[in-house]
Amino acid sequence: MHPLLIIIILGALLILTIGLGIFIILAMVGMMLYRSPFLPLPLSALNRVNELLTLSDTSIAYDLGSGSGRVVRHLARQNKNARVVGIEGAPLPRAFTFFWSVVEPLPNTEYLAQNILTTPLNDATHVFVYLFPYMMPILSKKFGEELQPDTIVVSCDFRMADRTPTRTLECIEGSSKHTLYQYTF
């Protein structure tokens, strides 16, 4: 093998290793600051979210803890006249969001670098969450205080203990099973 090719390969491996290290550091900082890892919504659940949210042309949907914006983009593509807002505080997922918003700009999307607990939701008609169980009682209280009557909330995998879901959907993909819970506030 030519020595120059070996140098190029080793240089590329070094760059990838440094990039992976930076990625891991940013992910760890995000987990420590925001107490939630970057965990993309499984495809089986993503394809069913729209079924429970039932967006219309006048809908304003929020994805709390929107990560890379995958759910926001999916809802925006499926509902071209609805306004879809992603809220994410952690820097690493927001970097992915920025990348995807450049690659696939969607005019009906908006991304806010804010804390989901302090962002007002009084204009929301629909809300989606895929967060950890410890967040659900906090969010249920926030929803009860801020959301307008008949606002639809969908949560993946974690129930709100103080509320009864109006509908549930099982999403199965291989050995992976997820449950979507729909609530009406």
Protein backbone atom coordinates (compact mmCIF):
# COMPACT_ATOMS: atom_id res chain seq x y z
CA MET A 1 0.00 0.00 0.00
CA HIS A 2 1.26 3.46 -0.88
CA PRO A 3 2.58 5.44 2.16
CA LEU A 4 0.51 8.51 1.26
CA LEU A 5 -2.67 6.42 1.28
CA ILE A 6 -1.77 5.08 4.73
CA ILE A 7 -1.27 8.64 6.02
CA ILE A 8 -4.63 9.70 4.57
CA ILE A 9 -6.40 6.73 6.15
CA LEU A 10 -4.75 7.32 9.54
CA GLY A 11 -5.62 11.03 9.35
CA ALA A 12 -9.26 10.22 8.58
CA LEU A 13 -9.38 7.78 11.50
CA LEU A 14 -7.91 10.42 13.81
CA ILE A 15 -10.50 12.98 12.71
CA LEU A 16 -13.32 10.46 13.20
CA THR A 17 -11.99 9.56 16.66
CA ILE A 18 -11.79 13.22 17.70
CA GLY A 19 -15.28 13.85 16.28
CA LEU A 20 -16.69 10.87 18.16
CA GLY A 21 -15.01 12.09 21.35
CA ILE A 22 -16.58 15.54 20.96
CA PHE A 23 -19.95 13.91 20.25
CA ILE A 24 -19.71 11.81 23.43
CA ILE A 25 -18.66 14.80 25.54
CA LEU A 26 -21.55 16.92 24.23
CA ALA A 27 -23.97 14.05 24.81
CA MET A 28 -22.75 13.64 28.39
CA VAL A 29 -22.99 17.39 29.08
CA GLY A 30 -26.52 17.40 27.66
CA MET A 31 -27.51 14.45 29.84
CA MET A 32 -26.09 16.10 32.98
CA LEU A 33 -27.63 19.51 32.34
CA TYR A 34 -30.99 18.41 30.97
CA ARG A 35 -31.34 15.06 32.81
CA SER A 36 -32.50 13.36 29.65
CA PRO A 37 -30.50 11.50 26.98
CA PHE A 38 -30.87 12.05 23.28
CA LEU A 39 -33.09 9.11 22.36
CA PRO A 40 -34.78 9.20 18.93
CA LEU A 41 -38.40 8.10 18.70
CA PRO A 42 -38.62 4.58 17.23
CA LEU A 43 -39.88 4.46 13.65
CA SER A 44 -42.83 2.24 14.59
CA ALA A 45 -44.09 4.93 16.98
CA LEU A 46 -43.20 7.85 14.70
CA ASN A 47 -45.48 6.51 11.98
CA ARG A 48 -48.42 6.35 14.41
CA VAL A 49 -48.03 9.70 16.23
CA ASN A 50 -49.94 11.60 13.57
CA GLU A 51 -52.84 9.17 13.94
CA LEU A 52 -53.31 10.19 17.58
CA LEU A 53 -52.52 13.88 17.25
CA THR A 54 -55.05 14.39 14.41
CA LEU A 55 -53.63 17.74 13.26
CA SER A 56 -55.65 20.10 11.09
CA ASP A 57 -54.71 23.13 8.99
CA THR A 58 -55.13 25.41 12.01
CA SER A 59 -53.19 23.23 14.47
CA ILE A 60 -50.23 24.44 16.48
CA ALA A 61 -48.30 21.37 17.61
CA TYR A 62 -45.39 21.32 20.04
CA ASP A 63 -42.79 18.58 20.43
CA LEU A 64 -41.30 18.99 23.91
CA GLY A 65 -37.72 17.77 24.02
CA SER A 66 -37.68 17.62 20.23
CA GLY A 67 -34.12 16.28 19.96
CA SER A 68 -33.01 16.25 16.32
CA GLY A 69 -36.41 17.48 15.14
CA ARG A 70 -37.39 14.14 13.64
CA VAL A 71 -40.97 14.23 14.96
CA VAL A 72 -41.32 17.92 14.05
CA ARG A 73 -40.25 17.24 10.45
CA HIS A 74 -42.49 14.16 10.20
CA LEU A 75 -45.57 16.06 11.44
CA ALA A 76 -44.77 19.07 9.24
CA ARG A 77 -44.47 16.88 6.13
CA GLN A 78 -47.77 15.14 6.90
CA ASN A 79 -49.61 18.37 7.79
CA LYS A 80 -48.32 21.10 5.51
CA ASN A 81 -50.64 23.84 6.84
CA ALA A 82 -50.21 23.09 10.55
CA ARG A 83 -47.54 24.95 12.52
CA VAL A 84 -45.13 22.54 14.24
CA VAL A 85 -42.77 23.79 16.95
CA GLY A 86 -39.87 21.84 18.43
CA ILE A 87 -38.49 22.82 21.83
CA GLU A 88 -35.07 21.53 22.81
CA GLY A 89 -32.60 22.86 25.36
CA ALA A 90 -29.66 20.47 24.94
CA PRO A 91 -26.93 21.62 22.51
CA LEU A 92 -26.12 18.31 20.78
CA PRO A 93 -29.65 17.52 19.56
CA ARG A 94 -30.05 21.16 18.53
CA ALA A 95 -26.98 20.76 16.29
CA PHE A 96 -28.75 17.90 14.51
CA THR A 97 -31.89 20.04 14.26
CA PHE A 98 -29.91 22.84 12.63
CA PHE A 99 -28.35 20.40 10.16
CA TRP A 100 -31.72 18.93 9.15
CA SER A 101 -33.38 22.34 8.88
CA VAL A 102 -30.71 23.30 6.34
CA VAL A 103 -30.95 20.00 4.45
CA GLU A 104 -34.75 19.95 4.46
CA PRO A 105 -36.19 23.41 5.19
CA LEU A 106 -39.90 23.20 6.01
CA PRO A 107 -41.78 26.51 6.15
CA ASN A 108 -44.28 25.33 8.76
CA THR A 109 -41.63 24.41 11.35
CA GLU A 110 -40.02 26.41 14.12
CA TYR A 111 -37.33 25.32 16.56
CA LEU A 112 -36.86 26.99 19.94
CA ALA A 113 -33.74 26.57 22.07
CA GLN A 114 -35.63 26.80 25.33
CA ASN A 115 -36.44 24.96 28.52
CA ILE A 116 -39.63 22.92 28.06
CA LEU A 117 -40.75 23.75 31.60
CA THR A 118 -40.62 27.52 31.12
CA THR A 119 -41.86 27.77 27.52
CA PRO A 120 -45.52 28.89 27.46
CA LEU A 121 -47.87 26.44 25.74
CA ASN A 122 -51.09 28.46 25.87
CA ASP A 123 -51.38 28.58 22.05
CA ALA A 124 -50.86 24.82 21.61
CA THR A 125 -53.63 22.71 20.14
CA HIS A 126 -51.50 19.54 20.23
CA VAL A 127 -48.43 18.44 22.23
CA PHE A 128 -46.12 15.45 21.82
CA VAL A 129 -43.65 14.20 24.47
CA TYR A 130 -41.16 11.34 24.60
CA LEU A 131 -39.43 11.97 27.90
CA PHE A 132 -38.68 10.04 31.07
CA PRO A 133 -41.20 9.04 33.75
CA TYR A 134 -39.95 11.60 36.29
CA MET A 135 -41.05 14.37 33.90
CA MET A 136 -44.63 13.20 33.48
CA PRO A 137 -46.10 14.54 36.78
CA ILE A 138 -44.34 17.88 36.21
CA LEU A 139 -45.66 18.11 32.66
CA SER A 140 -49.16 17.00 33.62
CA LYS A 141 -49.34 19.89 36.10
CA LYS A 142 -47.96 22.33 33.48
CA PHE A 143 -50.47 21.08 30.88
CA GLY A 144 -53.35 21.44 33.31
CA GLU A 145 -52.36 25.03 34.06
CA GLU A 146 -51.46 26.22 30.54
CA LEU A 147 -53.26 24.25 27.85
CA GLN A 148 -56.59 25.34 26.42
CA PRO A 149 -59.54 22.95 26.79
CA ASP A 150 -59.55 20.06 24.31
CA THR A 151 -55.80 20.24 23.65
CA ILE A 152 -54.55 16.79 22.65
CA VAL A 153 -51.35 15.48 24.26
CA VAL A 154 -49.59 12.31 23.11
CA SER A 155 -46.86 10.67 25.17
CA CYS A 156 -44.67 7.78 24.07
CA ASP A 157 -44.10 4.98 26.59
CA PHE A 158 -44.76 6.93 29.79
CA ARG A 159 -48.20 7.59 31.23
CA MET A 160 -49.39 10.53 33.25
CA ALA A 161 -50.37 8.82 36.50
CA ASP A 162 -52.96 11.45 37.42
CA ARG A 163 -54.83 11.18 34.11
CA THR A 164 -56.60 8.47 32.17
CA PRO A 165 -55.61 8.18 28.51
CA THR A 166 -58.45 8.76 26.04
CA ARG A 167 -56.77 6.31 23.68
CA THR A 168 -53.68 4.09 23.48
CA LEU A 169 -51.82 2.56 20.56
CA GLU A 170 -49.32 -0.27 20.67
CA CYS A 171 -46.41 0.12 18.23
CA ILE A 172 -44.40 -3.03 17.58
CA GLU A 173 -41.23 -3.21 15.51
CA GLY A 174 -39.37 -6.51 15.71
CA SER A 175 -38.80 -7.22 19.40
CA SER A 176 -39.32 -3.56 20.31
CA LYS A 177 -42.70 -2.51 21.71
CA HIS A 178 -43.80 1.07 22.43
CA THR A 179 -47.08 2.52 23.62
CA LEU A 180 -48.53 5.87 22.64
CA TYR A 181 -50.91 7.47 25.15
CA GLN A 182 -53.37 10.15 24.03
CA TYR A 183 -54.82 12.59 26.55
CA THR A 184 -57.35 15.37 26.13
CA PHE A 185 -56.85 18.33 28.46
